[in-house]
């Protein structure tokens, strides 16, 4: 548990599923103009909460209410014989942005990563989301030399 004055940063739990699912629907629309099914996202968040191998959530609370969240997933590197963590599904309620919420969540992730000997923390961001890119750079993350490719199956 990390306490950033006004914000309590901790691992999410089953009581947070509804808030996290709503955040994901809002984030997809806001950052990519994509409409997601709340029912489907809620199932996805629930499945991750029930099986940490699928992901784990870090939440920021203000006065007991969840105001921000992110999901961590794991990737094994055979090149380095170490784990990498991916930060995904980042969302902070608009009225709490610019107040250090993501910074506090990211510091918590780095602390956890050091404790578990994770060698790198990574994330991907939409090419047009300049605000998020600036925030990540401001916190010390840098753009990599990798490009991302995908194919829907």
N, C-alpha and C. Protein backbone atom coordinates (compact mmCIF):
# COMPACT_ATOMS: atom_id res chain seq x y z
N UNK A 1 0.85 -1.17 0.00
CA UNK A 1 0.00 0.00 0.00
C UNK A 1 0.90 1.24 0.00
N UNK A 2 0.60 2.19 -0.84
CA UNK A 2 1.32 3.44 -0.90
C UNK A 2 0.34 4.56 -0.64
N UNK A 3 0.76 5.53 0.13
CA UNK A 3 -0.10 6.66 0.42
C UNK A 3 0.54 7.92 -0.14
N UNK A 4 -0.09 8.56 -1.10
CA UNK A 4 0.39 9.80 -1.70
C UNK A 4 -0.52 10.92 -1.20
N UNK A 5 -0.34 11.33 0.02
CA UNK A 5 -1.14 12.33 0.71
C UNK A 5 -2.63 12.08 0.53
N UNK A 6 -3.21 12.58 -0.52
CA UNK A 6 -4.65 12.49 -0.74
C UNK A 6 -5.07 11.15 -1.33
N UNK A 7 -4.13 10.43 -1.96
CA UNK A 7 -4.46 9.21 -2.70
C UNK A 7 -3.83 7.98 -2.07
N UNK A 8 -4.63 6.97 -1.88
CA UNK A 8 -4.17 5.68 -1.39
C UNK A 8 -3.99 4.77 -2.61
N UNK A 9 -2.79 4.22 -2.79
CA UNK A 9 -2.49 3.36 -3.93
C UNK A 9 -2.32 1.94 -3.42
N UNK A 10 -3.10 1.01 -3.98
CA UNK A 10 -3.04 -0.37 -3.54
C UNK A 10 -3.53 -1.30 -4.64
N UNK A 11 -3.35 -2.61 -4.42
CA UNK A 11 -3.86 -3.58 -5.37
C UNK A 11 -5.38 -3.54 -5.34
N UNK A 12 -5.96 -3.68 -6.53
CA UNK A 12 -7.41 -3.70 -6.63
C UNK A 12 -7.97 -5.00 -6.09
N UNK A 13 -9.26 -4.98 -5.79
CA UNK A 13 -9.93 -6.19 -5.30
C UNK A 13 -11.31 -6.30 -5.96
N UNK A 14 -12.00 -7.36 -5.66
CA UNK A 14 -13.27 -7.63 -6.34
C UNK A 14 -14.30 -6.51 -6.16
N UNK A 15 -14.21 -5.75 -5.09
CA UNK A 15 -15.14 -4.63 -4.89
C UNK A 15 -14.89 -3.50 -5.89
N UNK A 16 -13.74 -3.53 -6.57
CA UNK A 16 -13.37 -2.47 -7.51
C UNK A 16 -13.75 -2.79 -8.96
N UNK A 17 -14.28 -3.98 -9.22
CA UNK A 17 -14.54 -4.43 -10.59
C UNK A 17 -15.42 -3.45 -11.36
N UNK A 18 -16.52 -3.03 -10.77
CA UNK A 18 -17.45 -2.15 -11.47
C UNK A 18 -16.77 -0.84 -11.87
N UNK A 19 -16.03 -0.23 -10.95
CA UNK A 19 -15.35 1.04 -11.25
C UNK A 19 -14.31 0.85 -12.34
N UNK A 20 -13.52 -0.21 -12.25
CA UNK A 20 -12.47 -0.46 -13.25
C UNK A 20 -13.10 -0.70 -14.62
N UNK A 21 -14.16 -1.47 -14.68
CA UNK A 21 -14.83 -1.73 -15.96
C UNK A 21 -15.35 -0.43 -16.57
N UNK A 22 -15.97 0.41 -15.77
CA UNK A 22 -16.44 1.70 -16.29
C UNK A 22 -15.26 2.54 -16.79
N UNK A 23 -14.15 2.53 -16.07
CA UNK A 23 -12.96 3.27 -16.51
C UNK A 23 -12.51 2.80 -17.88
N UNK A 24 -12.53 1.49 -18.10
CA UNK A 24 -12.04 0.96 -19.38
C UNK A 24 -12.94 1.38 -20.53
N UNK A 25 -14.24 1.39 -20.30
CA UNK A 25 -15.18 1.84 -21.33
C UNK A 25 -14.93 3.32 -21.64
N UNK A 26 -14.75 4.12 -20.60
CA UNK A 26 -14.48 5.56 -20.78
C UNK A 26 -13.15 5.78 -21.49
N UNK A 27 -12.11 5.05 -21.07
CA UNK A 27 -10.78 5.21 -21.65
C UNK A 27 -10.76 4.87 -23.13
N UNK A 28 -11.43 3.79 -23.52
CA UNK A 28 -11.46 3.38 -24.93
C UNK A 28 -12.13 4.45 -25.79
N UNK A 29 -13.21 5.00 -25.30
CA UNK A 29 -13.91 6.04 -26.06
C UNK A 29 -13.07 7.32 -26.11
N UNK A 30 -12.53 7.71 -24.98
CA UNK A 30 -11.76 8.95 -24.90
C UNK A 30 -10.46 8.90 -25.71
N UNK A 31 -9.73 7.80 -25.62
CA UNK A 31 -8.40 7.75 -26.24
C UNK A 31 -8.40 7.25 -27.67
N UNK A 32 -9.39 6.41 -28.03
CA UNK A 32 -9.37 5.82 -29.37
C UNK A 32 -10.69 5.95 -30.12
N UNK A 33 -11.71 6.53 -29.47
CA UNK A 33 -13.01 6.63 -30.11
C UNK A 33 -13.68 5.27 -30.29
N UNK A 34 -13.31 4.32 -29.44
CA UNK A 34 -13.82 2.95 -29.54
C UNK A 34 -14.89 2.71 -28.49
N UNK A 35 -16.02 2.18 -28.92
CA UNK A 35 -17.12 1.86 -28.01
C UNK A 35 -17.00 0.40 -27.57
N UNK A 36 -16.89 0.18 -26.28
CA UNK A 36 -16.78 -1.17 -25.73
C UNK A 36 -18.06 -1.56 -25.01
N UNK A 37 -18.33 -2.85 -24.98
CA UNK A 37 -19.46 -3.38 -24.24
C UNK A 37 -19.11 -3.44 -22.75
N UNK A 38 -19.85 -2.71 -21.93
CA UNK A 38 -19.60 -2.72 -20.49
C UNK A 38 -19.72 -4.14 -19.94
N UNK A 39 -20.69 -4.90 -20.42
CA UNK A 39 -20.87 -6.27 -19.94
C UNK A 39 -19.62 -7.12 -20.24
N UNK A 40 -19.11 -7.00 -21.44
CA UNK A 40 -17.93 -7.79 -21.82
C UNK A 40 -16.69 -7.35 -21.03
N UNK A 41 -16.51 -6.04 -20.91
CA UNK A 41 -15.37 -5.53 -20.15
C UNK A 41 -15.46 -5.97 -18.68
N UNK A 42 -16.66 -5.93 -18.12
CA UNK A 42 -16.84 -6.37 -16.73
C UNK A 42 -16.44 -7.84 -16.58
N UNK A 43 -16.83 -8.67 -17.54
CA UNK A 43 -16.41 -10.08 -17.51
C UNK A 43 -14.88 -10.19 -17.57
N UNK A 44 -14.26 -9.38 -18.44
CA UNK A 44 -12.80 -9.42 -18.58
C UNK A 44 -12.09 -8.99 -17.31
N UNK A 45 -12.56 -7.93 -16.69
CA UNK A 45 -11.96 -7.46 -15.44
C UNK A 45 -12.15 -8.50 -14.35
N UNK A 46 -13.34 -9.08 -14.29
CA UNK A 46 -13.62 -10.11 -13.28
C UNK A 46 -12.70 -11.31 -13.45
N UNK A 47 -12.50 -11.74 -14.70
CA UNK A 47 -11.62 -12.88 -14.95
C UNK A 47 -10.19 -12.59 -14.53
N UNK A 48 -9.72 -11.37 -14.75
CA UNK A 48 -8.37 -11.01 -14.31
C UNK A 48 -8.29 -10.94 -12.79
N UNK A 49 -9.32 -10.42 -12.16
CA UNK A 49 -9.33 -10.38 -10.68
C UNK A 49 -9.29 -11.78 -10.09
N UNK A 50 -9.94 -12.72 -10.78
CA UNK A 50 -10.00 -14.10 -10.29
C UNK A 50 -8.75 -14.91 -10.61
N UNK A 51 -7.91 -14.42 -11.54
CA UNK A 51 -6.73 -15.17 -11.98
C UNK A 51 -5.60 -14.19 -12.25
N UNK A 52 -4.72 -13.99 -11.28
CA UNK A 52 -3.65 -13.01 -11.39
C UNK A 52 -2.71 -13.29 -12.57
N UNK A 53 -2.71 -14.51 -13.11
CA UNK A 53 -1.90 -14.80 -14.30
C UNK A 53 -2.41 -13.99 -15.50
N UNK A 54 -3.67 -13.59 -15.47
CA UNK A 54 -4.23 -12.78 -16.55
C UNK A 54 -3.90 -11.30 -16.37
N UNK A 55 -3.68 -10.89 -15.16
CA UNK A 55 -3.38 -9.49 -14.87
C UNK A 55 -3.71 -9.16 -13.43
N UNK A 56 -3.17 -8.06 -12.98
CA UNK A 56 -3.51 -7.56 -11.66
C UNK A 56 -3.71 -6.05 -11.76
N UNK A 57 -4.56 -5.54 -10.90
CA UNK A 57 -4.91 -4.12 -10.96
C UNK A 57 -4.30 -3.37 -9.79
N UNK A 58 -3.89 -2.16 -10.10
CA UNK A 58 -3.47 -1.20 -9.09
C UNK A 58 -4.50 -0.08 -9.16
N UNK A 59 -5.01 0.33 -8.01
CA UNK A 59 -6.02 1.38 -7.98
C UNK A 59 -5.54 2.55 -7.11
N UNK A 60 -6.08 3.71 -7.42
CA UNK A 60 -5.88 4.91 -6.61
C UNK A 60 -7.23 5.25 -6.00
N UNK A 61 -7.23 5.45 -4.70
CA UNK A 61 -8.46 5.80 -3.98
C UNK A 61 -8.34 7.20 -3.40
N UNK A 62 -9.43 7.90 -3.45
CA UNK A 62 -9.53 9.21 -2.81
C UNK A 62 -10.80 9.17 -1.98
N UNK A 63 -10.64 9.35 -0.69
CA UNK A 63 -11.78 9.30 0.24
C UNK A 63 -12.56 8.00 0.06
N UNK A 64 -11.84 6.89 -0.16
CA UNK A 64 -12.45 5.58 -0.27
C UNK A 64 -12.99 5.21 -1.64
N UNK A 65 -13.01 6.16 -2.57
CA UNK A 65 -13.55 5.93 -3.91
C UNK A 65 -12.41 5.71 -4.90
N UNK A 66 -12.57 4.72 -5.79
CA UNK A 66 -11.57 4.47 -6.81
C UNK A 66 -11.62 5.60 -7.84
N UNK A 67 -10.47 6.26 -8.05
CA UNK A 67 -10.42 7.40 -8.98
C UNK A 67 -9.43 7.15 -10.11
N UNK A 68 -8.71 6.04 -10.04
CA UNK A 68 -7.76 5.71 -11.10
C UNK A 68 -7.39 4.25 -11.00
N UNK A 69 -6.98 3.68 -12.14
CA UNK A 69 -6.55 2.28 -12.13
C UNK A 69 -5.63 2.00 -13.30
N UNK A 70 -4.91 0.92 -13.18
CA UNK A 70 -4.11 0.38 -14.27
C UNK A 70 -4.03 -1.12 -14.08
N UNK A 71 -3.72 -1.82 -15.16
CA UNK A 71 -3.57 -3.27 -15.09
C UNK A 71 -2.14 -3.63 -15.43
N UNK A 72 -1.59 -4.61 -14.73
CA UNK A 72 -0.27 -5.14 -15.02
C UNK A 72 -0.40 -6.54 -15.59
N UNK A 73 0.33 -6.80 -16.68
CA UNK A 73 0.44 -8.15 -17.21
C UNK A 73 1.93 -8.49 -17.29
N UNK A 74 2.22 -9.79 -17.40
CA UNK A 74 3.60 -10.26 -17.36
C UNK A 74 4.01 -10.84 -18.71
N UNK A 75 5.28 -10.65 -19.03
CA UNK A 75 5.89 -11.24 -20.22
C UNK A 75 7.23 -11.83 -19.82
N UNK A 76 7.48 -13.06 -20.18
CA UNK A 76 8.76 -13.70 -19.90
C UNK A 76 9.74 -13.40 -21.02
N UNK A 77 10.95 -12.97 -20.68
CA UNK A 77 12.00 -12.72 -21.67
C UNK A 77 13.01 -13.85 -21.62
N UNK A 78 13.05 -14.65 -22.67
CA UNK A 78 14.08 -15.69 -22.72
C UNK A 78 15.45 -15.07 -23.02
N UNK A 79 15.47 -13.92 -23.65
CA UNK A 79 16.74 -13.23 -23.91
C UNK A 79 17.43 -12.85 -22.61
N UNK A 80 16.65 -12.37 -21.65
CA UNK A 80 17.21 -11.85 -20.39
C UNK A 80 16.94 -12.75 -19.19
N UNK A 81 16.18 -13.81 -19.43
CA UNK A 81 15.84 -14.73 -18.32
C UNK A 81 15.23 -13.95 -17.15
N UNK A 82 14.32 -13.03 -17.49
CA UNK A 82 13.67 -12.20 -16.49
C UNK A 82 12.26 -11.84 -16.97
N UNK A 83 11.47 -11.41 -16.03
CA UNK A 83 10.13 -10.94 -16.34
C UNK A 83 10.15 -9.48 -16.77
N UNK A 84 9.25 -9.14 -17.69
CA UNK A 84 8.89 -7.76 -18.02
C UNK A 84 7.45 -7.60 -17.57
N UNK A 85 7.11 -6.43 -17.13
CA UNK A 85 5.72 -6.12 -16.84
C UNK A 85 5.22 -5.10 -17.85
N UNK A 86 3.98 -5.26 -18.26
CA UNK A 86 3.30 -4.32 -19.15
C UNK A 86 2.24 -3.59 -18.36
N UNK A 87 2.25 -2.28 -18.45
CA UNK A 87 1.18 -1.45 -17.89
C UNK A 87 0.14 -1.29 -18.98
N UNK A 88 -1.09 -1.59 -18.64
CA UNK A 88 -2.19 -1.50 -19.60
C UNK A 88 -3.39 -0.84 -18.94
N UNK A 89 -4.33 -0.43 -19.76
CA UNK A 89 -5.64 0.02 -19.28
C UNK A 89 -5.54 1.12 -18.23
N UNK A 90 -4.71 2.11 -18.49
CA UNK A 90 -4.52 3.22 -17.55
C UNK A 90 -5.69 4.19 -17.66
N UNK A 91 -6.24 4.55 -16.50
CA UNK A 91 -7.30 5.56 -16.49
C UNK A 91 -7.30 6.29 -15.17
N UNK A 92 -7.43 7.60 -15.26
CA UNK A 92 -7.62 8.46 -14.08
C UNK A 92 -8.82 9.34 -14.38
N UNK A 93 -9.74 9.41 -13.43
CA UNK A 93 -10.91 10.26 -13.60
C UNK A 93 -10.47 11.68 -13.94
N UNK A 94 -11.16 12.32 -14.89
CA UNK A 94 -10.74 13.66 -15.33
C UNK A 94 -10.50 14.67 -14.22
N UNK A 95 -11.34 14.69 -13.20
CA UNK A 95 -11.16 15.71 -12.15
C UNK A 95 -9.96 15.43 -11.25
N UNK A 96 -9.35 14.24 -11.39
CA UNK A 96 -8.16 13.91 -10.59
C UNK A 96 -6.88 13.93 -11.42
N UNK A 97 -6.99 14.27 -12.69
CA UNK A 97 -5.81 14.32 -13.55
C UNK A 97 -4.95 15.54 -13.21
N UNK A 98 -3.65 15.37 -13.42
CA UNK A 98 -2.72 16.46 -13.14
C UNK A 98 -2.44 16.64 -11.67
N UNK A 99 -2.85 15.69 -10.84
CA UNK A 99 -2.68 15.79 -9.39
C UNK A 99 -1.75 14.71 -8.84
N UNK A 100 -1.06 14.00 -9.73
CA UNK A 100 -0.10 13.01 -9.28
C UNK A 100 -0.64 11.60 -9.09
N UNK A 101 -1.85 11.35 -9.56
CA UNK A 101 -2.46 10.02 -9.38
C UNK A 101 -1.69 8.97 -10.18
N UNK A 102 -1.49 9.22 -11.47
CA UNK A 102 -0.75 8.22 -12.26
C UNK A 102 0.67 8.09 -11.74
N UNK A 103 1.31 9.19 -11.41
CA UNK A 103 2.67 9.13 -10.86
C UNK A 103 2.72 8.21 -9.64
N UNK A 104 1.77 8.34 -8.75
CA UNK A 104 1.74 7.51 -7.54
C UNK A 104 1.51 6.04 -7.90
N UNK A 105 0.63 5.77 -8.86
CA UNK A 105 0.41 4.38 -9.27
C UNK A 105 1.67 3.81 -9.91
N UNK A 106 2.33 4.61 -10.75
CA UNK A 106 3.54 4.16 -11.43
C UNK A 106 4.67 3.91 -10.42
N UNK A 107 4.79 4.76 -9.43
CA UNK A 107 5.81 4.54 -8.38
C UNK A 107 5.54 3.24 -7.64
N UNK A 108 4.27 2.96 -7.39
CA UNK A 108 3.90 1.69 -6.75
C UNK A 108 4.30 0.51 -7.63
N UNK A 109 4.04 0.60 -8.94
CA UNK A 109 4.40 -0.47 -9.87
C UNK A 109 5.91 -0.69 -9.85
N UNK A 110 6.68 0.39 -9.89
CA UNK A 110 8.15 0.25 -9.88
C UNK A 110 8.63 -0.38 -8.58
N UNK A 111 8.03 0.00 -7.47
CA UNK A 111 8.39 -0.59 -6.18
C UNK A 111 8.10 -2.10 -6.19
N UNK A 112 6.94 -2.48 -6.67
CA UNK A 112 6.58 -3.90 -6.76
C UNK A 112 7.54 -4.64 -7.70
N UNK A 113 7.87 -4.01 -8.83
CA UNK A 113 8.77 -4.64 -9.81
C UNK A 113 10.15 -4.88 -9.20
N UNK A 114 10.67 -3.91 -8.47
CA UNK A 114 11.97 -4.11 -7.81
C UNK A 114 11.90 -5.27 -6.82
N UNK A 115 10.82 -5.34 -6.07
CA UNK A 115 10.67 -6.40 -5.07
C UNK A 115 10.57 -7.78 -5.71
N UNK A 116 10.09 -7.85 -6.95
CA UNK A 116 9.91 -9.14 -7.62
C UNK A 116 10.96 -9.38 -8.73
N UNK A 117 12.02 -8.57 -8.73
CA UNK A 117 13.11 -8.71 -9.70
C UNK A 117 12.65 -8.66 -11.15
N UNK A 118 11.71 -7.79 -11.43
CA UNK A 118 11.26 -7.55 -12.79
C UNK A 118 12.27 -6.61 -13.43
N UNK A 119 12.72 -6.93 -14.66
CA UNK A 119 13.79 -6.13 -15.24
C UNK A 119 13.31 -4.89 -15.99
N UNK A 120 12.09 -4.91 -16.54
CA UNK A 120 11.59 -3.75 -17.28
C UNK A 120 10.10 -3.60 -17.08
N UNK A 121 9.67 -2.35 -17.11
CA UNK A 121 8.26 -2.02 -17.12
C UNK A 121 7.99 -1.34 -18.45
N UNK A 122 7.01 -1.84 -19.17
CA UNK A 122 6.70 -1.35 -20.52
C UNK A 122 5.24 -0.97 -20.62
N UNK A 123 4.93 -0.21 -21.66
CA UNK A 123 3.54 0.06 -22.00
C UNK A 123 3.47 0.45 -23.45
N UNK A 124 2.27 0.42 -23.99
CA UNK A 124 2.05 0.95 -25.33
C UNK A 124 0.98 2.02 -25.22
N UNK A 125 1.02 2.94 -26.17
CA UNK A 125 0.10 4.08 -26.14
C UNK A 125 -0.30 4.39 -27.57
N UNK A 126 -1.53 4.82 -27.75
CA UNK A 126 -2.00 5.21 -29.08
C UNK A 126 -1.11 6.32 -29.62
N UNK A 127 -0.78 6.24 -30.89
CA UNK A 127 0.11 7.22 -31.53
C UNK A 127 -0.39 8.65 -31.41
N UNK A 128 -1.71 8.82 -31.32
CA UNK A 128 -2.28 10.16 -31.28
C UNK A 128 -2.51 10.69 -29.86
N UNK A 129 -2.22 9.87 -28.85
CA UNK A 129 -2.47 10.28 -27.47
C UNK A 129 -1.24 11.01 -26.92
N UNK A 130 -1.07 12.25 -27.38
CA UNK A 130 0.10 13.04 -27.02
C UNK A 130 0.16 13.36 -25.53
N UNK A 131 -0.99 13.57 -24.91
CA UNK A 131 -1.02 13.89 -23.48
C UNK A 131 -0.43 12.73 -22.67
N UNK A 132 -0.86 11.51 -22.97
CA UNK A 132 -0.33 10.35 -22.25
C UNK A 132 1.16 10.17 -22.54
N UNK A 133 1.55 10.34 -23.79
CA UNK A 133 2.97 10.20 -24.15
C UNK A 133 3.83 11.16 -23.34
N UNK A 134 3.39 12.39 -23.21
CA UNK A 134 4.14 13.38 -22.44
C UNK A 134 4.21 13.00 -20.97
N UNK A 135 3.12 12.48 -20.44
CA UNK A 135 3.12 12.06 -19.04
C UNK A 135 4.12 10.93 -18.81
N UNK A 136 4.13 9.94 -19.70
CA UNK A 136 5.05 8.81 -19.55
C UNK A 136 6.50 9.27 -19.68
N UNK A 137 6.77 10.15 -20.62
CA UNK A 137 8.13 10.66 -20.79
C UNK A 137 8.56 11.47 -19.57
N UNK A 138 7.64 12.25 -19.04
CA UNK A 138 7.93 13.07 -17.86
C UNK A 138 8.33 12.21 -16.66
N UNK A 139 7.81 11.00 -16.61
CA UNK A 139 8.12 10.10 -15.49
C UNK A 139 9.34 9.23 -15.76
N UNK A 140 10.01 9.45 -16.89
CA UNK A 140 11.26 8.74 -17.14
C UNK A 140 11.19 7.61 -18.15
N UNK A 141 10.01 7.34 -18.68
CA UNK A 141 9.91 6.29 -19.69
C UNK A 141 10.33 6.87 -21.04
N UNK A 142 10.91 6.02 -21.88
CA UNK A 142 11.34 6.47 -23.19
C UNK A 142 10.77 5.59 -24.28
N UNK A 143 10.62 6.19 -25.46
CA UNK A 143 10.15 5.45 -26.62
C UNK A 143 11.20 4.40 -27.00
N UNK A 144 10.75 3.22 -27.37
CA UNK A 144 11.67 2.15 -27.75
C UNK A 144 11.87 2.11 -29.25
N UNK A 145 12.72 1.23 -29.68
CA UNK A 145 12.98 1.06 -31.11
C UNK A 145 12.03 0.04 -31.75
N UNK A 146 11.12 -0.52 -30.96
CA UNK A 146 10.18 -1.50 -31.47
C UNK A 146 8.94 -0.85 -32.07
N UNK A 147 8.41 -1.46 -33.10
CA UNK A 147 7.10 -1.14 -33.63
C UNK A 147 6.17 -2.26 -33.23
N UNK A 148 4.89 -1.98 -33.12
CA UNK A 148 3.93 -3.01 -32.74
C UNK A 148 3.10 -3.39 -33.96
N UNK A 149 2.93 -4.69 -34.19
CA UNK A 149 2.11 -5.20 -35.26
C UNK A 149 1.04 -6.10 -34.67
N UNK A 150 -0.09 -6.22 -35.36
CA UNK A 150 -1.13 -7.10 -34.89
C UNK A 150 -1.98 -7.56 -36.06
N UNK A 151 -2.67 -8.65 -35.82
CA UNK A 151 -3.65 -9.15 -36.77
C UNK A 151 -4.80 -9.72 -35.96
N UNK A 152 -6.00 -9.28 -36.25
CA UNK A 152 -7.17 -9.80 -35.54
C UNK A 152 -7.49 -11.18 -36.09
N UNK A 153 -7.65 -12.14 -35.23
CA UNK A 153 -7.92 -13.53 -35.61
C UNK A 153 -9.35 -13.89 -35.22
